Amino acid sequence: MSTAGYDHPDPRRAADRMLDTAEGVLVALRRFRLNDAFRDLMTTARHHNVNPLSLADALVALAENHGVNALDTNVVAIARHTWGPLLDQPRNHPTPQDDDHP
């Protein structure tokens, strides 16, 4: 069995996965249905004239509290402005990192 497909993932699949993940973030943050989450992402991207995939990437990076230095600062600012207040709300449950550090 070849593992070549795992060494270099299909960029189309990576894009699909990023969009799916961003939709999931919006479902959790806004309590949206998937279709509404997709629409919110696309409408925001269109309104700001940015690539939806770049916006999805920025949203996921912010949700993960992951470094955004490698991302387009304009797109990160749009994601932060649009969804930042929702991301900044206190969590009601511990994350795995919280469990690791008492």
PDB file of N, CA and C in Angstrom:
ATOM      1  N   MET A   1       0.839  -1.171   0.000  1.00  0.00           N
ATOM      2  CA  MET A   1       0.000   0.000   0.000  1.00  0.00           C
ATOM      3  C   MET A   1       0.889   1.240   0.000  1.00  0.00           C
ATOM      4  N   SER A   2       0.630   2.148  -0.911  1.00  0.00           N
ATOM      5  CA  SER A   2       1.430   3.359  -1.039  1.00  0.00           C
ATOM      6  C   SER A   2       0.992   4.418  -0.037  1.00  0.00           C
ATOM      7  N   THR A   3       1.964   5.141   0.481  1.00  0.00           N
ATOM      8  CA  THR A   3       1.644   6.256   1.377  1.00  0.00           C
ATOM      9  C   THR A   3       1.957   7.587   0.707  1.00  0.00           C
ATOM     10  N   ALA A   4       2.183   7.557  -0.601  1.00  0.00           N
ATOM     11  CA  ALA A   4       2.558   8.783  -1.304  1.00  0.00           C
ATOM     12  C   ALA A   4       1.498   9.863  -1.132  1.00  0.00           C
ATOM     13  N   GLY A   5       0.246   9.485  -1.107  1.00  0.00           N
ATOM     14  CA  GLY A   5      -0.821  10.465  -0.949  1.00  0.00           C
ATOM     15  C   GLY A   5      -0.804  11.164   0.396  1.00  0.00           C
ATOM     16  N   TYR A   6      -0.170  10.543   1.386  1.00  0.00           N
ATOM     17  CA  TYR A   6      -0.114  11.135   2.714  1.00  0.00           C
ATOM     18  C   TYR A   6       1.072  12.076   2.867  1.00  0.00           C
ATOM     19  N   ASP A   7       2.103  11.880   2.049  1.00  0.00           N
ATOM     20  CA  ASP A   7       3.281  12.735   2.137  1.00  0.00           C
ATOM     21  C   ASP A   7       2.992  14.143   1.628  1.00  0.00           C
ATOM     22  N   HIS A   8       2.206  14.253   0.594  1.00  0.00           N
ATOM     23  CA  HIS A   8       1.871  15.529  -0.026  1.00  0.00           C
ATOM     24  C   HIS A   8       0.362  15.580  -0.222  1.00  0.00           C
ATOM     25  N   PRO A   9      -0.366  16.061   0.773  1.00  0.00           N
ATOM     26  CA  PRO A   9      -1.811  16.052   0.659  1.00  0.00           C
ATOM     27  C   PRO A   9      -2.294  16.893  -0.517  1.00  0.00           C
ATOM     28  N   ASP A  10      -3.387  16.481  -1.076  1.00  0.00           N
ATOM     29  CA  ASP A  10      -4.017  17.179  -2.178  1.00  0.00           C
ATOM     30  C   ASP A  10      -4.418  18.576  -1.697  1.00  0.00           C
ATOM     31  N   PRO A  11      -3.917  19.633  -2.329  1.00  0.00           N
ATOM     32  CA  PRO A  11      -4.244  20.979  -1.867  1.00  0.00           C
ATOM     33  C   PRO A  11      -5.745  21.270  -1.905  1.00  0.00           C
ATOM     34  N   ARG A  12      -6.457  20.631  -2.836  1.00  0.00           N
ATOM     35  CA  ARG A  12      -7.920  20.828  -2.872  1.00  0.00           C
ATOM     36  C   ARG A  12      -8.551  20.256  -1.623  1.00  0.00           C
ATOM     37  N   ARG A  13      -8.065  19.120  -1.171  1.00  0.00           N
ATOM     38  CA  ARG A  13      -8.606  18.509   0.051  1.00  0.00           C
ATOM     39  C   ARG A  13      -8.258  19.364   1.264  1.00  0.00           C
ATOM     40  N   ALA A  14      -7.057  19.911   1.288  1.00  0.00           N
ATOM     41  CA  ALA A  14      -6.667  20.786   2.395  1.00  0.00           C
ATOM     42  C   ALA A  14      -7.562  22.020   2.432  1.00  0.00           C
ATOM     43  N   ALA A  15      -7.897  22.574   1.270  1.00  0.00           N
ATOM     44  CA  ALA A  15      -8.788  23.737   1.208  1.00  0.00           C
ATOM     45  C   ALA A  15     -10.178  23.365   1.705  1.00  0.00           C
ATOM     46  N   ASP A  16     -10.678  22.219   1.272  1.00  0.00           N
ATOM     47  CA  ASP A  16     -11.990  21.765   1.739  1.00  0.00           C
ATOM     48  C   ASP A  16     -12.005  21.591   3.245  1.00  0.00           C
ATOM     49  N   ARG A  17     -10.944  21.018   3.759  1.00  0.00           N
ATOM     50  CA  ARG A  17     -10.862  20.784   5.203  1.00  0.00           C
ATOM     51  C   ARG A  17     -10.829  22.098   5.978  1.00  0.00           C
ATOM     52  N   MET A  18     -10.097  23.088   5.474  1.00  0.00           N
ATOM     53  CA  MET A  18     -10.020  24.382   6.141  1.00  0.00           C
ATOM     54  C   MET A  18     -11.391  25.056   6.142  1.00  0.00           C
ATOM     55  N   LEU A  19     -12.083  25.013   5.012  1.00  0.00           N
ATOM     56  CA  LEU A  19     -13.422  25.602   4.951  1.00  0.00           C
ATOM     57  C   LEU A  19     -14.373  24.878   5.891  1.00  0.00           C
ATOM     58  N   ASP A  20     -14.300  23.557   5.922  1.00  0.00           N
ATOM     59  CA  ASP A  20     -15.143  22.772   6.832  1.00  0.00           C
ATOM     60  C   ASP A  20     -14.858  23.126   8.288  1.00  0.00           C
ATOM     61  N   THR A  21     -13.586  23.285   8.610  1.00  0.00           N
ATOM     62  CA  THR A  21     -13.206  23.611   9.985  1.00  0.00           C
ATOM     63  C   THR A  21     -13.703  24.997  10.366  1.00  0.00           C
ATOM     64  N   ALA A  22     -13.557  25.959   9.466  1.00  0.00           N
ATOM     65  CA  ALA A  22     -14.044  27.315   9.737  1.00  0.00           C
ATOM     66  C   ALA A  22     -15.560  27.315   9.925  1.00  0.00           C
ATOM     67  N   GLU A  23     -16.261  26.541   9.119  1.00  0.00           N
ATOM     68  CA  GLU A  23     -17.708  26.415   9.301  1.00  0.00           C
ATOM     69  C   GLU A  23     -18.018  25.870  10.683  1.00  0.00           C
ATOM     70  N   GLY A  24     -17.264  24.882  11.117  1.00  0.00           N
ATOM     71  CA  GLY A  24     -17.466  24.305  12.448  1.00  0.00           C
ATOM     72  C   GLY A  24     -17.234  25.330  13.549  1.00  0.00           C
ATOM     73  N   VAL A  25     -16.223  26.174  13.362  1.00  0.00           N
ATOM     74  CA  VAL A  25     -15.970  27.230  14.343  1.00  0.00           C
ATOM     75  C   VAL A  25     -17.186  28.153  14.423  1.00  0.00           C
ATOM     76  N   LEU A  26     -17.726  28.527  13.276  1.00  0.00           N
ATOM     77  CA  LEU A  26     -18.884  29.428  13.273  1.00  0.00           C
ATOM     78  C   LEU A  26     -20.139  28.753  13.825  1.00  0.00           C
ATOM     79  N   VAL A  27     -20.281  27.468  13.587  1.00  0.00           N
ATOM     80  CA  VAL A  27     -21.401  26.730  14.183  1.00  0.00           C
ATOM     81  C   VAL A  27     -21.305  26.814  15.700  1.00  0.00           C
ATOM     82  N   ALA A  28     -20.105  26.619  16.221  1.00  0.00           N
ATOM     83  CA  ALA A  28     -19.910  26.653  17.674  1.00  0.00           C
ATOM     84  C   ALA A  28     -20.052  28.067  18.237  1.00  0.00           C
ATOM     85  N   LEU A  29     -19.489  29.057  17.553  1.00  0.00           N
ATOM     86  CA  LEU A  29     -19.518  30.422  18.066  1.00  0.00           C
ATOM     87  C   LEU A  29     -20.894  31.067  17.978  1.00  0.00           C
ATOM     88  N   ARG A  30     -21.534  30.897  16.845  1.00  0.00           N
ATOM     89  CA  ARG A  30     -22.796  31.597  16.604  1.00  0.00           C
ATOM     90  C   ARG A  30     -24.019  30.702  16.714  1.00  0.00           C
ATOM     91  N   ARG A  31     -23.778  29.429  16.961  1.00  0.00           N
ATOM     92  CA  ARG A  31     -24.880  28.456  17.022  1.00  0.00           C
ATOM     93  C   ARG A  31     -25.641  28.421  15.692  1.00  0.00           C
ATOM     94  N   PHE A  32     -24.870  28.566  14.603  1.00  0.00           N
ATOM     95  CA  PHE A  32     -25.417  28.542  13.251  1.00  0.00           C
ATOM     96  C   PHE A  32     -25.627  27.110  12.778  1.00  0.00           C
ATOM     97  N   ARG A  33     -26.472  26.961  11.797  1.00  0.00           N
ATOM     98  CA  ARG A  33     -26.514  25.728  11.000  1.00  0.00           C
ATOM     99  C   ARG A  33     -25.337  25.805  10.036  1.00  0.00           C
ATOM    100  N   LEU A  34     -24.921  24.658   9.503  1.00  0.00           N
ATOM    101  CA  LEU A  34     -23.767  24.639   8.599  1.00  0.00           C
ATOM    102  C   LEU A  34     -23.943  25.568   7.407  1.00  0.00           C
ATOM    103  N   ASN A  35     -25.124  25.547   6.790  1.00  0.00           N
ATOM    104  CA  ASN A  35     -25.356  26.409   5.629  1.00  0.00           C
ATOM    105  C   ASN A  35     -25.228  27.876   5.993  1.00  0.00           C
ATOM    106  N   ASP A  36     -25.714  28.255   7.171  1.00  0.00           N
ATOM    107  CA  ASP A  36     -25.609  29.639   7.612  1.00  0.00           C
ATOM    108  C   ASP A  36     -24.160  30.015   7.908  1.00  0.00           C
ATOM    109  N   ALA A  37     -23.402  29.082   8.463  1.00  0.00           N
ATOM    110  CA  ALA A  37     -21.990  29.324   8.743  1.00  0.00           C
ATOM    111  C   ALA A  37     -21.224  29.541   7.433  1.00  0.00           C
ATOM    112  N   PHE A  38     -21.501  28.700   6.443  1.00  0.00           N
ATOM    113  CA  PHE A  38     -20.864  28.853   5.133  1.00  0.00           C
ATOM    114  C   PHE A  38     -21.225  30.205   4.534  1.00  0.00           C
ATOM    115  N   ARG A  39     -22.489  30.561   4.600  1.00  0.00           N
ATOM    116  CA  ARG A  39     -22.962  31.834   4.056  1.00  0.00           C
ATOM    117  C   ARG A  39     -22.278  33.010   4.776  1.00  0.00           C
ATOM    118  N   ASP A  40     -22.141  32.935   6.102  1.00  0.00           N
ATOM    119  CA  ASP A  40     -21.488  33.993   6.863  1.00  0.00           C
ATOM    120  C   ASP A  40     -20.043  34.166   6.413  1.00  0.00           C
ATOM    121  N   LEU A  41     -19.343  33.070   6.256  1.00  0.00           N
ATOM    122  CA  LEU A  41     -17.950  33.113   5.811  1.00  0.00           C
ATOM    123  C   LEU A  41     -17.841  33.717   4.410  1.00  0.00           C
ATOM    124  N   MET A  42     -18.674  33.256   3.486  1.00  0.00           N
ATOM    125  CA  MET A  42     -18.619  33.740   2.108  1.00  0.00           C
ATOM    126  C   MET A  42     -19.049  35.204   2.005  1.00  0.00           C
ATOM    127  N   THR A  43     -20.080  35.585   2.730  1.00  0.00           N
ATOM    128  CA  THR A  43     -20.555  36.968   2.709  1.00  0.00           C
ATOM    129  C   THR A  43     -19.492  37.908   3.263  1.00  0.00           C
ATOM    130  N   THR A  44     -18.857  37.499   4.345  1.00  0.00           N
ATOM    131  CA  THR A  44     -17.801  38.322   4.939  1.00  0.00           C
ATOM    132  C   THR A  44     -16.629  38.456   3.971  1.00  0.00           C
ATOM    133  N   ALA A  45     -16.236  37.369   3.344  1.00  0.00           N
ATOM    134  CA  ALA A  45     -15.139  37.416   2.375  1.00  0.00           C
ATOM    135  C   ALA A  45     -15.488  38.329   1.198  1.00  0.00           C
ATOM    136  N   ARG A  46     -16.693  38.194   0.678  1.00  0.00           N
ATOM    137  CA  ARG A  46     -17.129  39.017  -0.450  1.00  0.00           C
ATOM    138  C   ARG A  46     -17.189  40.499  -0.049  1.00  0.00           C
ATOM    139  N   HIS A  47     -17.751  40.756   1.131  1.00  0.00           N
ATOM    140  CA  HIS A  47     -17.892  42.141   1.614  1.00  0.00           C
ATOM    141  C   HIS A  47     -16.533  42.837   1.727  1.00  0.00           C
ATOM    142  N   HIS A  48     -15.525  42.102   2.128  1.00  0.00           N
ATOM    143  CA  HIS A  48     -14.190  42.674   2.308  1.00  0.00           C
ATOM    144  C   HIS A  48     -13.259  42.404   1.125  1.00  0.00           C
ATOM    145  N   ASN A  49     -13.802  41.750   0.099  1.00  0.00           N
ATOM    146  CA  ASN A  49     -13.038  41.448  -1.111  1.00  0.00           C
ATOM    147  C   ASN A  49     -11.746  40.689  -0.805  1.00  0.00           C
ATOM    148  N   VAL A  50     -11.900  39.611  -0.013  1.00  0.00           N
ATOM    149  CA  VAL A  50     -10.765  38.745   0.304  1.00  0.00           C
ATOM    150  C   VAL A  50     -11.101  37.311  -0.074  1.00  0.00           C
ATOM    151  N   ASN A  51     -10.082  36.506  -0.187  1.00  0.00           N
ATOM    152  CA  ASN A  51     -10.249  35.097  -0.528  1.00  0.00           C
ATOM    153  C   ASN A  51     -10.917  34.365   0.637  1.00  0.00           C
ATOM    154  N   PRO A  52     -12.029  33.664   0.391  1.00  0.00           N
ATOM    155  CA  PRO A  52     -12.708  32.940   1.476  1.00  0.00           C
ATOM    156  C   PRO A  52     -11.818  31.928   2.180  1.00  0.00           C
ATOM    157  N   LEU A  53     -10.934  31.276   1.446  1.00  0.00           N
ATOM    158  CA  LEU A  53     -10.039  30.299   2.059  1.00  0.00           C
ATOM    159  C   LEU A  53      -9.051  30.987   3.008  1.00  0.00           C
ATOM    160  N   SER A  54      -8.547  32.138   2.622  1.00  0.00           N
ATOM    161  CA  SER A  54      -7.653  32.892   3.505  1.00  0.00           C
ATOM    162  C   SER A  54      -8.388  33.339   4.761  1.00  0.00           C
ATOM    163  N   LEU A  55      -9.644  33.751   4.597  1.00  0.00           N
ATOM    164  CA  LEU A  55     -10.445  34.161   5.742  1.00  0.00           C
ATOM    165  C   LEU A  55     -10.721  32.972   6.659  1.00  0.00           C
ATOM    166  N   ALA A  56     -11.025  31.821   6.060  1.00  0.00           N
ATOM    167  CA  ALA A  56     -11.250  30.604   6.844  1.00  0.00           C
ATOM    168  C   ALA A  56      -9.981  30.237   7.613  1.00  0.00           C
ATOM    169  N   ASP A  57      -8.844  30.325   6.960  1.00  0.00           N
ATOM    170  CA  ASP A  57      -7.570  30.018   7.604  1.00  0.00           C
ATOM    171  C   ASP A  57      -7.328  30.941   8.795  1.00  0.00           C
ATOM    172  N   ALA A  58      -7.606  32.232   8.621  1.00  0.00           N
ATOM    173  CA  ALA A  58      -7.423  33.197   9.707  1.00  0.00           C
ATOM    174  C   ALA A  58      -8.370  32.911  10.861  1.00  0.00           C
ATOM    175  N   LEU A  59      -9.625  32.601  10.551  1.00  0.00           N
ATOM    176  CA  LEU A  59     -10.602  32.300  11.598  1.00  0.00           C
ATOM    177  C   LEU A  59     -10.174  31.081  12.408  1.00  0.00           C
ATOM    178  N   VAL A  60      -9.750  30.040  11.740  1.00  0.00           N
ATOM    179  CA  VAL A  60      -9.325  28.822  12.434  1.00  0.00           C
ATOM    180  C   VAL A  60      -8.083  29.103  13.277  1.00  0.00           C
ATOM    181  N   ALA A  61      -7.128  29.847  12.742  1.00  0.00           N
ATOM    182  CA  ALA A  61      -5.921  30.178  13.510  1.00  0.00           C
ATOM    183  C   ALA A  61      -6.280  30.970  14.763  1.00  0.00           C
ATOM    184  N   LEU A  62      -7.192  31.925  14.646  1.00  0.00           N
ATOM    185  CA  LEU A  62      -7.626  32.691  15.818  1.00  0.00           C
ATOM    186  C   LEU A  62      -8.356  31.794  16.816  1.00  0.00           C
ATOM    187  N   ALA A  63      -9.198  30.908  16.315  1.00  0.00           N
ATOM    188  CA  ALA A  63      -9.951  30.010  17.196  1.00  0.00           C
ATOM    189  C   ALA A  63      -9.022  29.064  17.938  1.00  0.00           C
ATOM    190  N   GLU A  64      -7.959  28.644  17.290  1.00  0.00           N
ATOM    191  CA  GLU A  64      -6.983  27.757  17.914  1.00  0.00           C
ATOM    192  C   GLU A  64      -6.021  28.518  18.826  1.00  0.00           C
ATOM    193  N   ASN A  65      -6.131  29.846  18.794  1.00  0.00           N
ATOM    194  CA  ASN A  65      -5.179  30.686  19.516  1.00  0.00           C
ATOM    195  C   ASN A  65      -3.767  30.355  19.041  1.00  0.00           C
ATOM    196  N   HIS A  66      -3.664  30.178  17.737  1.00  0.00           N
ATOM    197  CA  HIS A  66      -2.436  29.766  17.071  1.00  0.00           C
ATOM    198  C   HIS A  66      -1.825  30.993  16.397  1.00  0.00           C
ATOM    199  N   GLY A  67      -0.544  30.998  16.246  1.00  0.00           N
ATOM    200  CA  GLY A  67       0.139  32.111  15.600  1.00  0.00           C
ATOM    201  C   GLY A  67      -0.426  32.437  14.235  1.00  0.00           C
ATOM    202  N   VAL A  68      -0.608  33.712  13.990  1.00  0.00           N
ATOM    203  CA  VAL A  68      -1.149  34.154  12.713  1.00  0.00           C
ATOM    204  C   VAL A  68      -0.105  34.937  11.912  1.00  0.00           C
ATOM    205  N   ASN A  69       1.139  34.877  12.334  1.00  0.00           N
ATOM    206  CA  ASN A  69       2.200  35.660  11.695  1.00  0.00           C
ATOM    207  C   ASN A  69       2.381  35.341  10.223  1.00  0.00           C
ATOM    208  N   ALA A  70       2.159  34.107   9.821  1.00  0.00           N
ATOM    209  CA  ALA A  70       2.369  33.717   8.429  1.00  0.00           C
ATOM    210  C   ALA A  70       1.167  34.060   7.546  1.00  0.00           C
ATOM    211  N   LEU A  71       0.094  34.567   8.152  1.00  0.00           N
ATOM    212  CA  LEU A  71      -1.122  34.863   7.407  1.00  0.00           C
ATOM    213  C   LEU A  71      -1.171  36.333   7.015  1.00  0.00           C
ATOM    214  N   ASP A  72      -1.995  36.648   6.037  1.00  0.00           N
ATOM    215  CA  ASP A  72      -2.212  38.022   5.582  1.00  0.00           C
ATOM    216  C   ASP A  72      -2.781  38.845   6.730  1.00  0.00           C
ATOM    217  N   THR A  73      -2.073  39.894   7.133  1.00  0.00           N
ATOM    218  CA  THR A  73      -2.492  40.681   8.297  1.00  0.00           C
ATOM    219  C   THR A  73      -3.845  41.348   8.081  1.00  0.00           C
ATOM    220  N   ASN A  74      -4.161  41.733   6.851  1.00  0.00           N
ATOM    221  CA  ASN A  74      -5.456  42.332   6.556  1.00  0.00           C
ATOM    222  C   ASN A  74      -6.582  41.325   6.791  1.00  0.00           C
ATOM    223  N   VAL A  75      -6.384  40.101   6.339  1.00  0.00           N
ATOM    224  CA  VAL A  75      -7.399  39.059   6.498  1.00  0.00           C
ATOM    225  C   VAL A  75      -7.549  38.697   7.977  1.00  0.00           C
ATOM    226  N   VAL A  76      -6.459  38.631   8.701  1.00  0.00           N
ATOM    227  CA  VAL A  76      -6.520  38.355  10.138  1.00  0.00           C
ATOM    228  C   VAL A  76      -7.300  39.465  10.842  1.00  0.00           C
ATOM    229  N   ALA A  77      -7.050  40.714  10.459  1.00  0.00           N
ATOM    230  CA  ALA A  77      -7.766  41.843  11.063  1.00  0.00           C
ATOM    231  C   ALA A  77      -9.267  41.755  10.782  1.00  0.00           C
ATOM    232  N   ILE A  78      -9.629  41.347   9.583  1.00  0.00           N
ATOM    233  CA  ILE A  78     -11.048  41.185   9.236  1.00  0.00           C
ATOM    234  C   ILE A  78     -11.675  40.092  10.092  1.00  0.00           C
ATOM    235  N   ALA A  79     -10.996  38.961  10.200  1.00  0.00           N
ATOM    236  CA  ALA A  79     -11.512  37.856  11.018  1.00  0.00           C
ATOM    237  C   ALA A  79     -11.621  38.275  12.475  1.00  0.00           C
ATOM    238  N   ARG A  80     -10.610  38.963  12.981  1.00  0.00           N
ATOM    239  CA  ARG A  80     -10.613  39.424  14.374  1.00  0.00           C
ATOM    240  C   ARG A  80     -11.767  40.408  14.600  1.00  0.00           C
ATOM    241  N   HIS A  81     -11.981  41.338  13.678  1.00  0.00           N
ATOM    242  CA  HIS A  81     -13.063  42.318  13.811  1.00  0.00           C
ATOM    243  C   HIS A  81     -14.436  41.643  13.753  1.00  0.00           C
ATOM    244  N   THR A  82     -14.581  40.691  12.835  1.00  0.00           N
ATOM    245  CA  THR A  82     -15.874  40.051  12.615  1.00  0.00           C
ATOM    246  C   THR A  82     -16.226  39.061  13.709  1.00  0.00           C
ATOM    247  N   TRP A  83     -15.274  38.218  14.086  1.00  0.00           N
ATOM    248  CA  TRP A  83     -15.583  37.127  15.012  1.00  0.00           C
ATOM    249  C   TRP A  83     -14.804  37.192  16.320  1.00  0.00           C
ATOM    250  N   GLY A  84     -13.901  38.135  16.445  1.00  0.00           N
ATOM    251  CA  GLY A  84     -13.068  38.246  17.639  1.00  0.00           C
ATOM    252  C   GLY A  84     -13.839  38.328  18.941  1.00  0.00           C
ATOM    253  N   PRO A  85     -14.881  39.179  19.018  1.00  0.00           N
ATOM    254  CA  PRO A  85     -15.630  39.242  20.276  1.00  0.00           C
ATOM    255  C   PRO A  85     -16.213  37.889  20.698  1.00  0.00           C
ATOM    256  N   LEU A  86     -16.612  37.090  19.735  1.00  0.00           N
ATOM    257  CA  LEU A  86     -17.128  35.755  20.059  1.00  0.00           C
ATOM    258  C   LEU A  86     -16.003  34.834  20.523  1.00  0.00           C
ATOM    259  N   LEU A  87     -14.837  34.976  19.898  1.00  0.00           N
ATOM    260  CA  LEU A  87     -13.691  34.151  20.269  1.00  0.00           C
ATOM    261  C   LEU A  87     -13.145  34.526  21.638  1.00  0.00           C
ATOM    262  N   ASP A  88     -13.321  35.778  22.022  1.00  0.00           N
ATOM    263  CA  ASP A  88     -12.770  36.271  23.280  1.00  0.00           C
ATOM    264  C   ASP A  88     -13.643  35.974  24.493  1.00  0.00           C
ATOM    265  N   GLN A  89     -14.842  35.443  24.259  1.00  0.00           N
ATOM    266  CA  GLN A  89     -15.718  35.137  25.394  1.00  0.00           C
ATOM    267  C   GLN A  89     -15.094  34.042  26.241  1.00  0.00           C
ATOM    268  N   PRO A  90     -15.292  34.122  27.558  1.00  0.00           N
ATOM    269  CA  PRO A  90     -14.720  33.093  28.439  1.00  0.00           C
ATOM    270  C   PRO A  90     -15.270  31.706  28.094  1.00  0.00           C
ATOM    271  N   ARG A  91     -14.387  30.721  28.236  1.00  0.00           N
ATOM    272  CA  ARG A  91     -14.797  29.330  28.001  1.00  0.00           C
ATOM    273  C   ARG A  91     -15.465  28.787  29.248  1.00  0.00           C
ATOM    274  N   ASN A  92     -16.416  27.906  29.047  1.00  0.00           N
ATOM    275  CA  ASN A  92     -17.106  27.264  30.168  1.00  0.00           C
ATOM    276  C   ASN A  92     -16.523  25.904  30.508  1.00  0.00           C
ATOM    277  N   HIS A  93     -15.553  25.462  29.729  1.00  0.00           N
ATOM    278  CA  HIS A  93     -14.978  24.142  29.963  1.00  0.00           C
ATOM    279  C   HIS A  93     -13.479  24.192  29.685  1.00  0.00           C
ATOM    280  N   PRO A  94     -12.720  23.342  30.340  1.00  0.00           N
ATOM    281  CA  PRO A  94     -11.269  23.346  30.126  1.00  0.00           C
ATOM    282  C   PRO A  94     -10.908  22.772  28.762  1.00  0.00           C
ATOM    283  N   THR A  95      -9.808  23.256  28.217  1.00  0.00           N
ATOM    284  CA  THR A  95      -9.270  22.678  26.989  1.00  0.00           C
ATOM    285  C   THR A  95      -8.215  21.658  27.384  1.00  0.00           C
ATOM    286  N   PRO A  96      -7.755  20.832  26.466  1.00  0.00           N
ATOM    287  CA  PRO A  96      -6.695  19.874  26.800  1.00  0.00           C
ATOM    288  C   PRO A  96      -5.465  20.566  27.373  1.00  0.00           C
ATOM    289  N   GLN A  97      -5.132  21.764  26.883  1.00  0.00           N
ATOM    290  CA  GLN A  97      -3.968  22.475  27.413  1.00  0.00           C
ATOM    291  C   GLN A  97      -4.222  22.864  28.877  1.00  0.00           C
ATOM    292  N   ASP A  98      -5.459  23.238  29.219  1.00  0.00           N
ATOM    293  CA  ASP A  98      -5.784  23.594  30.584  1.00  0.00           C
ATOM    294  C   ASP A  98      -5.582  22.396  31.530  1.00  0.00           C
ATOM    295  N   ASP A  99      -5.926  21.216  31.041  1.00  0.00           N
ATOM    296  CA  ASP A  99      -5.774  20.007  31.851  1.00  0.00           C
ATOM    297  C   ASP A  99      -4.308  19.692  32.117  1.00  0.00           C
ATOM    298  N   ASP A 100      -3.440  20.074  31.167  1.00  0.00           N
ATOM    299  CA  ASP A 100      -2.013  19.777  31.309  1.00  0.00           C
ATOM    300  C   ASP A 100      -1.317  20.680  32.332  1.00  0.00           C
ATOM    301  N   HIS A 101      -1.915  21.832  32.617  1.00  0.00           N
ATOM    302  CA  HIS A 101      -1.287  22.804  33.507  1.00  0.00           C
ATOM    303  C   HIS A 101      -2.246  23.188  34.616  1.00  0.00           C
ATOM    304  N   PRO A 102      -2.167  22.500  35.756  1.00  0.00           N
ATOM    305  CA  PRO A 102      -3.109  22.792  36.841  1.00  0.00           C
ATOM    306  C   PRO A 102      -2.969  24.176  37.419  1.00  0.00           C
TER     307      PRO A 102
END
